[in-house]
Amino acid sequence: GQPCILLKMNRIIGYRPGAGVPVSVECKVQKGNES
């Protein structure tokens, strides 16, 4: 009951994400009880 989910960015030719700083991921409850 502790599932893993993988996230990936779409490929864009020539794109350098984050302007020199790695892009990070955060997750939260989108709507409803945050607990």
Full PDB file with SEQRES, HELIX, SHEET, SSBOND, CRYST1, ORIGX, SCALE, CONECT and MASTER records, all heavy atoms in Angstrom:
SEQRES   1 A   35  GLY GLN PRO CYS ILE LEU LEU LYS MET ASN ARG ILE ILE          
SEQRES   2 A   35  GLY TYR ARG PRO GLY ALA GLY VAL PRO VAL SER VAL GLU          
SEQRES   3 A   35  CYS LYS VAL GLN LYS GLY ASN GLU SER                          
HELIX    1 AA1 PRO A   17  GLY A   20  5                                   4    
CRYST1    1.000    1.000    1.000  90.00  90.00  90.00 P 1           1          
ORIGX1      1.000000  0.000000  0.000000        0.00000                         
ORIGX2      0.000000  1.000000  0.000000        0.00000                         
ORIGX3      0.000000  0.000000  1.000000        0.00000                         
SCALE1      1.000000  0.000000  0.000000        0.00000                         
SCALE2      0.000000  1.000000  0.000000        0.00000                         
SCALE3      0.000000  0.000000  1.000000        0.00000                         
ATOM      1  N   GLY A   1       0.807  -1.219   0.000  1.00  0.00           N  
ATOM      2  CA  GLY A   1       0.000   0.000   0.000  1.00  0.00           C  
ATOM      3  C   GLY A   1       0.834   1.260   0.000  1.00  0.00           C  
ATOM      4  O   GLY A   1       0.363   2.324   0.424  1.00  0.00           O  
ATOM      5  N   GLN A   2       2.094   1.140  -0.474  1.00  0.00           N  
ATOM      6  CA  GLN A   2       3.003   2.284  -0.552  1.00  0.00           C  
ATOM      7  C   GLN A   2       3.524   2.403  -1.982  1.00  0.00           C  
ATOM      8  O   GLN A   2       4.695   2.129  -2.262  1.00  0.00           O  
ATOM      9  CB  GLN A   2       4.154   2.109   0.428  1.00  0.00           C  
ATOM     10  CG  GLN A   2       3.722   2.025   1.879  1.00  0.00           C  
ATOM     11  CD  GLN A   2       4.897   1.808   2.821  1.00  0.00           C  
ATOM     12  OE1 GLN A   2       5.934   1.274   2.440  1.00  0.00           O  
ATOM     13  NE2 GLN A   2       4.742   2.238   4.065  1.00  0.00           N  
ATOM     14  N   PRO A   3       2.686   2.818  -2.926  1.00  0.00           N  
ATOM     15  CA  PRO A   3       3.036   2.745  -4.348  1.00  0.00           C  
ATOM     16  C   PRO A   3       4.102   3.743  -4.782  1.00  0.00           C  
ATOM     17  O   PRO A   3       4.186   4.863  -4.274  1.00  0.00           O  
ATOM     18  CB  PRO A   3       1.702   3.061  -5.037  1.00  0.00           C  
ATOM     19  CG  PRO A   3       0.974   3.927  -4.053  1.00  0.00           C  
ATOM     20  CD  PRO A   3       1.342   3.379  -2.708  1.00  0.00           C  
ATOM     21  N   CYS A   4       4.908   3.292  -5.726  1.00  0.00           N  
ATOM     22  CA  CYS A   4       5.865   4.168  -6.408  1.00  0.00           C  
ATOM     23  C   CYS A   4       5.253   4.637  -7.722  1.00  0.00           C  
ATOM     24  O   CYS A   4       4.619   3.854  -8.444  1.00  0.00           O  
ATOM     25  CB  CYS A   4       7.165   3.423  -6.713  1.00  0.00           C  
ATOM     26  SG  CYS A   4       8.189   3.081  -5.257  1.00  0.00           S  
ATOM     27  N   ILE A   5       5.462   5.891  -8.039  1.00  0.00           N  
ATOM     28  CA  ILE A   5       5.022   6.470  -9.308  1.00  0.00           C  
ATOM     29  C   ILE A   5       6.200   7.236  -9.890  1.00  0.00           C  
ATOM     30  O   ILE A   5       6.903   7.955  -9.168  1.00  0.00           O  
ATOM     31  CB  ILE A   5       3.798   7.390  -9.110  1.00  0.00           C  
ATOM     32  CG1 ILE A   5       2.611   6.571  -8.593  1.00  0.00           C  
ATOM     33  CG2 ILE A   5       3.433   8.092 -10.410  1.00  0.00           C  
ATOM     34  CD1 ILE A   5       1.398   7.393  -8.263  1.00  0.00           C  
ATOM     35  N   LEU A   6       6.417   7.068 -11.184  1.00  0.00           N  
ATOM     36  CA  LEU A   6       7.542   7.708 -11.860  1.00  0.00           C  
ATOM     37  C   LEU A   6       7.072   8.937 -12.614  1.00  0.00           C  
ATOM     38  O   LEU A   6       6.009   8.933 -13.243  1.00  0.00           O  
ATOM     39  CB  LEU A   6       8.203   6.730 -12.838  1.00  0.00           C  
ATOM     40  CG  LEU A   6       8.646   5.387 -12.246  1.00  0.00           C  
ATOM     41  CD1 LEU A   6       9.206   4.500 -13.352  1.00  0.00           C  
ATOM     42  CD2 LEU A   6       9.677   5.592 -11.154  1.00  0.00           C  
ATOM     43  N   LEU A   7       7.872   9.986 -12.550  1.00  0.00           N  
ATOM     44  CA  LEU A   7       7.569  11.236 -13.245  1.00  0.00           C  
ATOM     45  C   LEU A   7       8.675  11.523 -14.248  1.00  0.00           C  
ATOM     46  O   LEU A   7       9.864  11.383 -13.925  1.00  0.00           O  
ATOM     47  CB  LEU A   7       7.473  12.378 -12.235  1.00  0.00           C  
ATOM     48  CG  LEU A   7       7.052  13.747 -12.787  1.00  0.00           C  
ATOM     49  CD1 LEU A   7       5.549  13.776 -13.005  1.00  0.00           C  
ATOM     50  CD2 LEU A   7       7.450  14.866 -11.833  1.00  0.00           C  
ATOM     51  N   LYS A   8       8.288  11.898 -15.450  1.00  0.00           N  
ATOM     52  CA  LYS A   8       9.293  12.294 -16.440  1.00  0.00           C  
ATOM     53  C   LYS A   8       8.835  13.533 -17.198  1.00  0.00           C  
ATOM     54  O   LYS A   8       7.650  13.750 -17.403  1.00  0.00           O  
ATOM     55  CB  LYS A   8       9.597  11.159 -17.419  1.00  0.00           C  
ATOM     56  CG  LYS A   8       8.584  10.894 -18.490  1.00  0.00           C  
ATOM     57  CD  LYS A   8       9.033   9.757 -19.385  1.00  0.00           C  
ATOM     58  CE  LYS A   8       8.188   9.654 -20.642  1.00  0.00           C  
ATOM     59  NZ  LYS A   8       8.454  10.743 -21.599  1.00  0.00           N  
ATOM     60  N   MET A   9       9.831  14.339 -17.562  1.00  0.00           N  
ATOM     61  CA  MET A   9       9.551  15.528 -18.357  1.00  0.00           C  
ATOM     62  C   MET A   9       9.476  15.157 -19.834  1.00  0.00           C  
ATOM     63  O   MET A   9      10.212  14.285 -20.299  1.00  0.00           O  
ATOM     64  CB  MET A   9      10.657  16.571 -18.174  1.00  0.00           C  
ATOM     65  CG  MET A   9      10.546  17.407 -16.935  1.00  0.00           C  
ATOM     66  SD  MET A   9      11.612  18.882 -17.015  1.00  0.00           S  
ATOM     67  CE  MET A   9      13.088  18.267 -16.215  1.00  0.00           C  
ATOM     68  N   ASN A  10       8.618  15.829 -20.568  1.00  0.00           N  
ATOM     69  CA  ASN A  10       8.579  15.644 -22.009  1.00  0.00           C  
ATOM     70  C   ASN A  10       9.886  16.129 -22.638  1.00  0.00           C  
ATOM     71  O   ASN A  10      10.487  17.093 -22.168  1.00  0.00           O  
ATOM     72  CB  ASN A  10       7.400  16.406 -22.623  1.00  0.00           C  
ATOM     73  CG  ASN A  10       6.055  15.855 -22.180  1.00  0.00           C  
ATOM     74  OD1 ASN A  10       5.975  14.734 -21.684  1.00  0.00           O  
ATOM     75  ND2 ASN A  10       5.007  16.641 -22.359  1.00  0.00           N  
ATOM     76  N   ARG A  11      10.293  15.454 -23.692  1.00  0.00           N  
ATOM     77  CA  ARG A  11      11.541  15.823 -24.366  1.00  0.00           C  
ATOM     78  C   ARG A  11      11.348  17.062 -25.239  1.00  0.00           C  
ATOM     79  O   ARG A  11      10.394  17.138 -26.020  1.00  0.00           O  
ATOM     80  CB  ARG A  11      12.031  14.670 -25.236  1.00  0.00           C  
ATOM     81  CG  ARG A  11      12.360  13.409 -24.454  1.00  0.00           C  
ATOM     82  CD  ARG A  11      12.804  12.292 -25.382  1.00  0.00           C  
ATOM     83  NE  ARG A  11      13.097  11.075 -24.653  1.00  0.00           N  
ATOM     84  CZ  ARG A  11      13.550   9.963 -25.221  1.00  0.00           C  
ATOM     85  NH1 ARG A  11      13.746   9.922 -26.534  1.00  0.00           N  
ATOM     86  NH2 ARG A  11      13.796   8.884 -24.490  1.00  0.00           N  
ATOM     87  N   ILE A  12      12.254  18.006 -25.106  1.00  0.00           N  
ATOM     88  CA  ILE A  12      12.240  19.212 -25.931  1.00  0.00           C  
ATOM     89  C   ILE A  12      13.658  19.431 -26.445  1.00  0.00           C  
ATOM     90  O   ILE A  12      14.597  19.567 -25.651  1.00  0.00           O  
ATOM     91  CB  ILE A  12      11.772  20.446 -25.138  1.00  0.00           C  
ATOM     92  CG1 ILE A  12      10.362  20.222 -24.571  1.00  0.00           C  
ATOM     93  CG2 ILE A  12      11.806  21.693 -26.012  1.00  0.00           C  
ATOM     94  CD1 ILE A  12       9.882  21.339 -23.668  1.00  0.00           C  
ATOM     95  N   ILE A  13      13.827  19.436 -27.756  1.00  0.00           N  
ATOM     96  CA  ILE A  13      15.154  19.575 -28.345  1.00  0.00           C  
ATOM     97  C   ILE A  13      15.781  20.906 -27.942  1.00  0.00           C  
ATOM     98  O   ILE A  13      15.177  21.969 -28.087  1.00  0.00           O  
ATOM     99  CB  ILE A  13      15.080  19.464 -29.885  1.00  0.00           C  
ATOM    100  CG1 ILE A  13      14.631  18.050 -30.288  1.00  0.00           C  
ATOM    101  CG2 ILE A  13      16.432  19.773 -30.520  1.00  0.00           C  
ATOM    102  CD1 ILE A  13      14.448  17.873 -31.781  1.00  0.00           C  
ATOM    103  N   GLY A  14      16.997  20.811 -27.398  1.00  0.00           N  
ATOM    104  CA  GLY A  14      17.758  22.005 -27.055  1.00  0.00           C  
ATOM    105  C   GLY A  14      17.417  22.631 -25.725  1.00  0.00           C  
ATOM    106  O   GLY A  14      18.056  23.599 -25.320  1.00  0.00           O  
ATOM    107  N   TYR A  15      16.432  22.084 -25.019  1.00  0.00           N  
ATOM    108  CA  TYR A  15      15.986  22.711 -23.782  1.00  0.00           C  
ATOM    109  C   TYR A  15      16.964  22.445 -22.642  1.00  0.00           C  
ATOM    110  O   TYR A  15      17.439  21.321 -22.453  1.00  0.00           O  
ATOM    111  CB  TYR A  15      14.598  22.182 -23.410  1.00  0.00           C  
ATOM    112  CG  TYR A  15      13.997  22.808 -22.168  1.00  0.00           C  
ATOM    113  CD1 TYR A  15      13.769  24.174 -22.101  1.00  0.00           C  
ATOM    114  CD2 TYR A  15      13.649  22.025 -21.071  1.00  0.00           C  
ATOM    115  CE1 TYR A  15      13.208  24.747 -20.975  1.00  0.00           C  
ATOM    116  CE2 TYR A  15      13.086  22.589 -19.936  1.00  0.00           C  
ATOM    117  CZ  TYR A  15      12.871  23.960 -19.901  1.00  0.00           C  
ATOM    118  OH  TYR A  15      12.320  24.516 -18.786  1.00  0.00           O  
ATOM    119  N   ARG A  16      17.268  23.487 -21.866  1.00  0.00           N  
ATOM    120  CA  ARG A  16      18.134  23.375 -20.696  1.00  0.00           C  
ATOM    121  C   ARG A  16      17.332  23.806 -19.472  1.00  0.00           C  
ATOM    122  O   ARG A  16      17.263  24.993 -19.147  1.00  0.00           O  
ATOM    123  CB  ARG A  16      19.370  24.255 -20.855  1.00  0.00           C  
ATOM    124  CG  ARG A  16      20.188  23.935 -22.111  1.00  0.00           C  
ATOM    125  CD  ARG A  16      21.422  24.803 -22.198  1.00  0.00           C  
ATOM    126  NE  ARG A  16      22.051  24.709 -23.510  1.00  0.00           N  
ATOM    127  CZ  ARG A  16      23.166  25.335 -23.857  1.00  0.00           C  
ATOM    128  NH1 ARG A  16      23.779  26.110 -22.963  1.00  0.00           N  
ATOM    129  NH2 ARG A  16      23.659  25.203 -25.075  1.00  0.00           N  
ATOM    130  N   PRO A  17      16.700  22.861 -18.807  1.00  0.00           N  
ATOM    131  CA  PRO A  17      15.794  23.211 -17.700  1.00  0.00           C  
ATOM    132  C   PRO A  17      16.516  23.819 -16.521  1.00  0.00           C  
ATOM    133  O   PRO A  17      17.660  23.490 -16.215  1.00  0.00           O  
ATOM    134  CB  PRO A  17      15.179  21.864 -17.322  1.00  0.00           C  
ATOM    135  CG  PRO A  17      16.176  20.853 -17.775  1.00  0.00           C  
ATOM    136  CD  PRO A  17      16.809  21.422 -18.999  1.00  0.00           C  
ATOM    137  N   GLY A  18      15.832  24.747 -15.879  1.00  0.00           N  
ATOM    138  CA  GLY A  18      16.322  25.299 -14.625  1.00  0.00           C  
ATOM    139  C   GLY A  18      17.360  26.393 -14.728  1.00  0.00           C  
ATOM    140  O   GLY A  18      17.804  26.919 -13.709  1.00  0.00           O  
ATOM    141  N   ALA A  19      17.782  26.734 -15.948  1.00  0.00           N  
ATOM    142  CA  ALA A  19      18.780  27.798 -16.141  1.00  0.00           C  
ATOM    143  C   ALA A  19      20.012  27.589 -15.258  1.00  0.00           C  
ATOM    144  O   ALA A  19      20.466  28.498 -14.572  1.00  0.00           O  
ATOM    145  CB  ALA A  19      18.153  29.169 -15.883  1.00  0.00           C  
ATOM    146  N   GLY A  20      20.523  26.353 -15.242  1.00  0.00           N  
ATOM    147  CA  GLY A  20      21.734  26.063 -14.499  1.00  0.00           C  
ATOM    148  C   GLY A  20      21.512  25.486 -13.107  1.00  0.00           C  
ATOM    149  O   GLY A  20      22.466  25.086 -12.438  1.00  0.00           O  
ATOM    150  N   VAL A  21      20.259  25.421 -12.669  1.00  0.00           N  
ATOM    151  CA  VAL A  21      19.923  24.843 -11.364  1.00  0.00           C  
ATOM    152  C   VAL A  21      18.951  23.692 -11.596  1.00  0.00           C  
ATOM    153  O   VAL A  21      17.932  23.871 -12.266  1.00  0.00           O  
ATOM    154  CB  VAL A  21      19.283  25.890 -10.425  1.00  0.00           C  
ATOM    155  CG1 VAL A  21      18.920  25.258  -9.094  1.00  0.00           C  
ATOM    156  CG2 VAL A  21      20.220  27.068 -10.230  1.00  0.00           C  
ATOM    157  N   PRO A  22      19.230  22.489 -11.059  1.00  0.00           N  
ATOM    158  CA  PRO A  22      18.356  21.340 -11.316  1.00  0.00           C  
ATOM    159  C   PRO A  22      16.897  21.608 -10.933  1.00  0.00           C  
ATOM    160  O   PRO A  22      16.614  22.226  -9.910  1.00  0.00           O  
ATOM    161  CB  PRO A  22      18.954  20.239 -10.431  1.00  0.00           C  
ATOM    162  CG  PRO A  22      20.389  20.626 -10.274  1.00  0.00           C  
ATOM    163  CD  PRO A  22      20.398  22.126 -10.238  1.00  0.00           C  
ATOM    164  N   VAL A  23      15.996  21.130 -11.778  1.00  0.00           N  
ATOM    165  CA  VAL A  23      14.567  21.241 -11.516  1.00  0.00           C  
ATOM    166  C   VAL A  23      14.167  20.173 -10.500  1.00  0.00           C  
ATOM    167  O   VAL A  23      14.584  19.014 -10.598  1.00  0.00           O  
ATOM    168  CB  VAL A  23      13.764  21.065 -12.817  1.00  0.00           C  
ATOM    169  CG1 VAL A  23      12.266  20.977 -12.529  1.00  0.00           C  
ATOM    170  CG2 VAL A  23      14.053  22.221 -13.771  1.00  0.00           C  
ATOM    171  N   SER A  24      13.368  20.561  -9.510  1.00  0.00           N  
ATOM    172  CA  SER A  24      12.950  19.630  -8.458  1.00  0.00           C  
ATOM    173  C   SER A  24      11.457  19.338  -8.570  1.00  0.00           C  
ATOM    174  O   SER A  24      10.713  20.009  -9.291  1.00  0.00           O  
ATOM    175  CB  SER A  24      13.263  20.212  -7.080  1.00  0.00           C  
ATOM    176  OG  SER A  24      12.546  21.419  -6.871  1.00  0.00           O  
ATOM    177  N   VAL A  25      11.027  18.314  -7.823  1.00  0.00           N  
ATOM    178  CA  VAL A  25       9.630  17.878  -7.836  1.00  0.00           C  
ATOM    179  C   VAL A  25       9.072  17.954  -6.425  1.00  0.00           C  
ATOM    180  O   VAL A  25       9.755  17.612  -5.451  1.00  0.00           O  
ATOM    181  CB  VAL A  25       9.515  16.427  -8.351  1.00  0.00           C  
ATOM    182  CG1 VAL A  25       8.061  15.962  -8.324  1.00  0.00           C  
ATOM    183  CG2 VAL A  25      10.076  16.318  -9.766  1.00  0.00           C  
ATOM    184  N   GLU A  26       7.847  18.414  -6.301  1.00  0.00           N  
ATOM    185  CA  GLU A  26       7.141  18.367  -5.025  1.00  0.00           C  
ATOM    186  C   GLU A  26       5.719  17.894  -5.250  1.00  0.00           C  
ATOM    187  O   GLU A  26       5.138  18.109  -6.323  1.00  0.00           O  
ATOM    188  CB  GLU A  26       7.141  19.736  -4.331  1.00  0.00           C  
ATOM    189  CG  GLU A  26       6.280  20.783  -5.003  1.00  0.00           C  
ATOM    190  CD  GLU A  26       6.150  22.055  -4.152  1.00  0.00           C  
ATOM    191  OE1 GLU A  26       6.718  22.086  -3.041  1.00  0.00           O  
ATOM    192  OE2 GLU A  26       5.474  22.992  -4.607  1.00  0.00           O  
ATOM    193  N   CYS A  27       5.144  17.223  -4.253  1.00  0.00           N  
ATOM    194  CA  CYS A  27       3.790  16.695  -4.352  1.00  0.00           C  
ATOM    195  C   CYS A  27       2.968  17.138  -3.151  1.00  0.00           C  
ATOM    196  O   CYS A  27       3.497  17.263  -2.037  1.00  0.00           O  
ATOM    197  CB  CYS A  27       3.810  15.164  -4.425  1.00  0.00           C  
ATOM    198  SG  CYS A  27       4.645  14.482  -5.873  1.00  0.00           S  
ATOM    199  N   LYS A  28       1.693  17.344  -3.392  1.00  0.00           N  
ATOM    200  CA  LYS A  28       0.781  17.728  -2.317  1.00  0.00           C  
ATOM    201  C   LYS A  28      -0.633  17.300  -2.694  1.00  0.00           C  
ATOM    202  O   LYS A  28      -0.904  16.919  -3.846  1.00  0.00           O  
ATOM    203  CB  LYS A  28       0.824  19.238  -2.091  1.00  0.00           C  
ATOM    204  CG  LYS A  28       0.375  20.056  -3.296  1.00  0.00           C  
ATOM    205  CD  LYS A  28       0.478  21.554  -3.021  1.00  0.00           C  
ATOM    206  CE  LYS A  28       0.019  22.368  -4.231  1.00  0.00           C  
ATOM    207  NZ  LYS A  28       0.115  23.835  -3.981  1.00  0.00           N  
ATOM    208  N   VAL A  29      -1.533  17.346  -1.723  1.00  0.00           N  
ATOM    209  CA  VAL A  29      -2.944  17.077  -2.002  1.00  0.00           C  
ATOM    210  C   VAL A  29      -3.485  18.210  -2.860  1.00  0.00           C  
ATOM    211  O   VAL A  29      -3.364  19.390  -2.500  1.00  0.00           O  
ATOM    212  CB  VAL A  29      -3.751  16.945  -0.702  1.00  0.00           C  
ATOM    213  CG1 VAL A  29      -5.241  16.827  -0.996  1.00  0.00           C  
ATOM    214  CG2 VAL A  29      -3.279  15.728   0.091  1.00  0.00           C  
ATOM    215  N   GLN A  30      -4.044  17.862  -3.991  1.00  0.00           N  
ATOM    216  CA  GLN A  30      -4.487  18.899  -4.930  1.00  0.00           C  
ATOM    217  C   GLN A  30      -5.728  19.633  -4.431  1.00  0.00           C  
ATOM    218  O   GLN A  30      -5.870  20.830  -4.597  1.00  0.00           O  
ATOM    219  CB  GLN A  30      -4.769  18.250  -6.296  1.00  0.00           C  
ATOM    220  CG  GLN A  30      -4.990  19.258  -7.424  1.00  0.00           C  
ATOM    221  CD  GLN A  30      -6.459  19.436  -7.762  1.00  0.00           C  
ATOM    222  OE1 GLN A  30      -7.288  18.579  -7.436  1.00  0.00           O  
ATOM    223  NE2 GLN A  30      -6.787  20.536  -8.408  1.00  0.00           N  
ATOM    224  N   LYS A  31      -6.610  18.884  -3.782  1.00  0.00           N  
ATOM    225  CA  LYS A  31      -7.836  19.494  -3.261  1.00  0.00           C  
ATOM    226  C   LYS A  31      -8.389  18.592  -2.172  1.00  0.00           C  
ATOM    227  O   LYS A  31      -8.534  17.384  -2.373  1.00  0.00           O  
ATOM    228  CB  LYS A  31      -8.869  19.670  -4.383  1.00  0.00           C  
ATOM    229  CG  LYS A  31     -10.114  20.425  -3.973  1.00  0.00           C  
ATOM    230  CD  LYS A  31     -11.054  20.585  -5.157  1.00  0.00           C  
ATOM    231  CE  LYS A  31     -12.310  21.363  -4.772  1.00  0.00           C  
ATOM    232  NZ  LYS A  31     -13.242  21.521  -5.913  1.00  0.00           N  
ATOM    233  N   GLY A  32      -8.679  19.162  -1.017  1.00  0.00           N  
ATOM    234  CA  GLY A  32      -9.244  18.361   0.057  1.00  0.00           C  
ATOM    235  C   GLY A  32      -8.373  18.371   1.296  1.00  0.00           C  
ATOM    236  O   GLY A  32      -7.639  19.337   1.555  1.00  0.00           O  
ATOM    237  N   ASN A  33      -8.426  17.292   2.039  1.00  0.00           N  
ATOM    238  CA  ASN A  33      -7.736  17.183   3.329  1.00  0.00           C  
ATOM    239  C   ASN A  33      -6.251  16.917   3.116  1.00  0.00           C  
ATOM    240  O   ASN A  33      -5.855  15.846   2.657  1.00  0.00           O  
ATOM    241  CB  ASN A  33      -8.369  16.055   4.159  1.00  0.00           C  
ATOM    242  CG  ASN A  33      -7.904  16.080   5.598  1.00  0.00           C  
ATOM    243  OD1 ASN A  33      -6.826  16.572   5.915  1.00  0.00           O  
ATOM    244  ND2 ASN A  33      -8.731  15.541   6.488  1.00  0.00           N  
ATOM    245  N   GLU A  34      -5.413  17.880   3.467  1.00  0.00           N  
ATOM    246  CA  GLU A  34      -3.975  17.745   3.245  1.00  0.00           C  
ATOM    247  C   GLU A  34      -3.351  16.625   4.073  1.00  0.00           C  
ATOM    248  O   GLU A  34      -2.309  16.080   3.720  1.00  0.00           O  
ATOM    249  CB  GLU A  34      -3.270  19.074   3.552  1.00  0.00           C  
ATOM    250  CG  GLU A  34      -3.636  20.194   2.588  1.00  0.00           C  
ATOM    251  CD  GLU A  34      -2.869  21.474   2.863  1.00  0.00           C  
ATOM    252  OE1 GLU A  34      -2.043  21.474   3.817  1.00  0.00           O  
ATOM    253  OE2 GLU A  34      -3.100  22.473   2.148  1.00  0.00           O  
ATOM    254  N   SER A  35      -3.986  16.266   5.184  1.00  0.00           N  
ATOM    255  CA  SER A  35      -3.443  15.215   6.046  1.00  0.00           C  
ATOM    256  C   SER A  35      -3.577  13.827   5.428  1.00  0.00           C  
ATOM    257  O   SER A  35      -3.024  12.859   5.950  1.00  0.00           O  
ATOM    258  CB  SER A  35      -4.143  15.238   7.409  1.00  0.00           C  
ATOM    259  OG  SER A  35      -5.508  14.856   7.285  1.00  0.00           O  
TER     260      SER A  35                                                      
MASTER        0    0    0    1    0    0    0    6  259    1    0    3          
END                                                                             
